[in-house]
Every structure is written in structure tokens, then in C-alpha cells.
């Protein structure tokens, strides 16, 4: 079962405090540049993250202690 850290029905933009849970503005920019991190939309200069994509990314990076990371 997938837990939601973000509101799946909401869009988040840079500067939204909720994004700080995964990283600051600079870290998110580094990830986008390297093709890492959660999926995002780039509309002009605006970066938009969908809550659904953030939850999927967070769950894909969930670690079960004692089970390693295959």
C-alpha cells in the first residue's frame, strides 16, 4: 500500500514549503539538471510538480530496513 506524503490532487511549484521535505530549491535544480528526482513539468520558466508524481517518486525511494536496496 502506498502512503501519500503529498496531496495527490495538488500541483506544487518551486517555493512551496511542502517541497522542502525532499530538498531545497538548489537540490531540486541539481536533480532536474542531472535527470534525477521526481517527474516535473517545465512550462516556460515555471517548474511544476504534481502531487501524484511526488508520491510515486517518494514510494519508489522507500527503504525497508533490513531488506537492502536491490
Protein backbone atom coordinates (compact mmCIF):
# COMPACT_ATOMS: atom_id res chain seq x y z
CA UNK A 1 0.00 0.00 0.00
CA UNK A 2 1.31 3.40 -0.97
CA UNK A 3 1.29 6.17 1.64
CA UNK A 4 0.91 9.73 0.40
CA UNK A 5 3.33 12.34 1.68
CA UNK A 6 1.85 14.90 -0.73
CA UNK A 7 -1.70 15.79 -1.76
CA UNK A 8 -2.16 13.72 -4.92
CA UNK A 9 -4.70 16.17 -6.35
CA UNK A 10 -2.46 19.23 -5.99
CA UNK A 11 0.26 20.80 -8.12
CA UNK A 12 3.36 22.16 -6.38
CA UNK A 13 5.64 24.93 -7.63
CA UNK A 14 9.14 25.93 -6.55
CA UNK A 15 8.88 27.92 -3.35
CA UNK A 16 6.05 25.80 -1.93
CA UNK A 17 7.12 24.91 1.61
CA UNK A 18 5.90 21.31 1.19
CA UNK A 19 8.67 20.61 -1.34
CA UNK A 20 11.26 21.20 1.40
CA UNK A 21 10.51 17.66 2.65
CA UNK A 22 12.52 16.28 -0.29
CA UNK A 23 15.03 19.07 -0.84
CA UNK A 24 15.66 22.76 -1.17
CA UNK A 25 15.38 24.72 -4.40
CA UNK A 26 19.07 24.19 -5.26
CA UNK A 27 18.93 20.42 -4.76
CA UNK A 28 15.79 20.12 -6.88
CA UNK A 29 17.52 22.15 -9.62
CA UNK A 30 20.57 19.84 -9.48
CA UNK A 31 18.34 16.78 -9.79
CA UNK A 32 16.46 18.24 -12.78
CA UNK A 33 19.76 19.08 -14.49
CA UNK A 34 21.05 15.51 -13.90
CA UNK A 35 17.77 13.85 -14.93
CA UNK A 36 17.11 12.66 -11.37
CA UNK A 37 14.36 13.22 -8.81
CA UNK A 38 10.61 13.31 -9.30
CA UNK A 39 8.91 13.94 -12.63
CA UNK A 40 8.10 17.58 -13.35
CA UNK A 41 6.65 19.90 -15.94
CA UNK A 42 8.55 22.88 -17.31
CA UNK A 43 6.18 25.48 -18.64
CA UNK A 44 8.25 28.43 -19.77
CA UNK A 45 10.38 29.21 -16.73
CA UNK A 46 7.87 27.69 -14.28
CA UNK A 47 8.60 24.26 -12.76
CA UNK A 48 5.55 22.29 -11.62
CA UNK A 49 5.46 19.03 -9.69
CA UNK A 50 2.23 17.01 -9.49
CA UNK A 51 1.47 15.59 -6.06
CA UNK A 52 0.80 12.21 -7.69
CA UNK A 53 4.31 12.18 -9.22
CA UNK A 54 5.92 13.27 -5.94
CA UNK A 55 4.18 10.43 -4.08
CA UNK A 56 5.22 7.88 -6.72
CA UNK A 57 8.85 9.07 -6.56
CA UNK A 58 8.86 9.03 -2.74
CA UNK A 59 7.47 5.49 -2.63
CA UNK A 60 9.95 4.31 -5.28
CA UNK A 61 12.72 5.55 -2.95
CA UNK A 62 11.30 3.98 0.21
CA UNK A 63 13.74 1.73 2.06
CA UNK A 64 12.68 -1.28 4.10
CA UNK A 65 15.24 -1.64 6.91
CA UNK A 66 17.00 -4.98 6.84
CA UNK A 67 15.99 -5.75 3.26
CA UNK A 68 18.67 -3.77 1.44
CA UNK A 69 18.16 -1.94 -1.80
CA UNK A 70 18.28 -4.35 -4.75
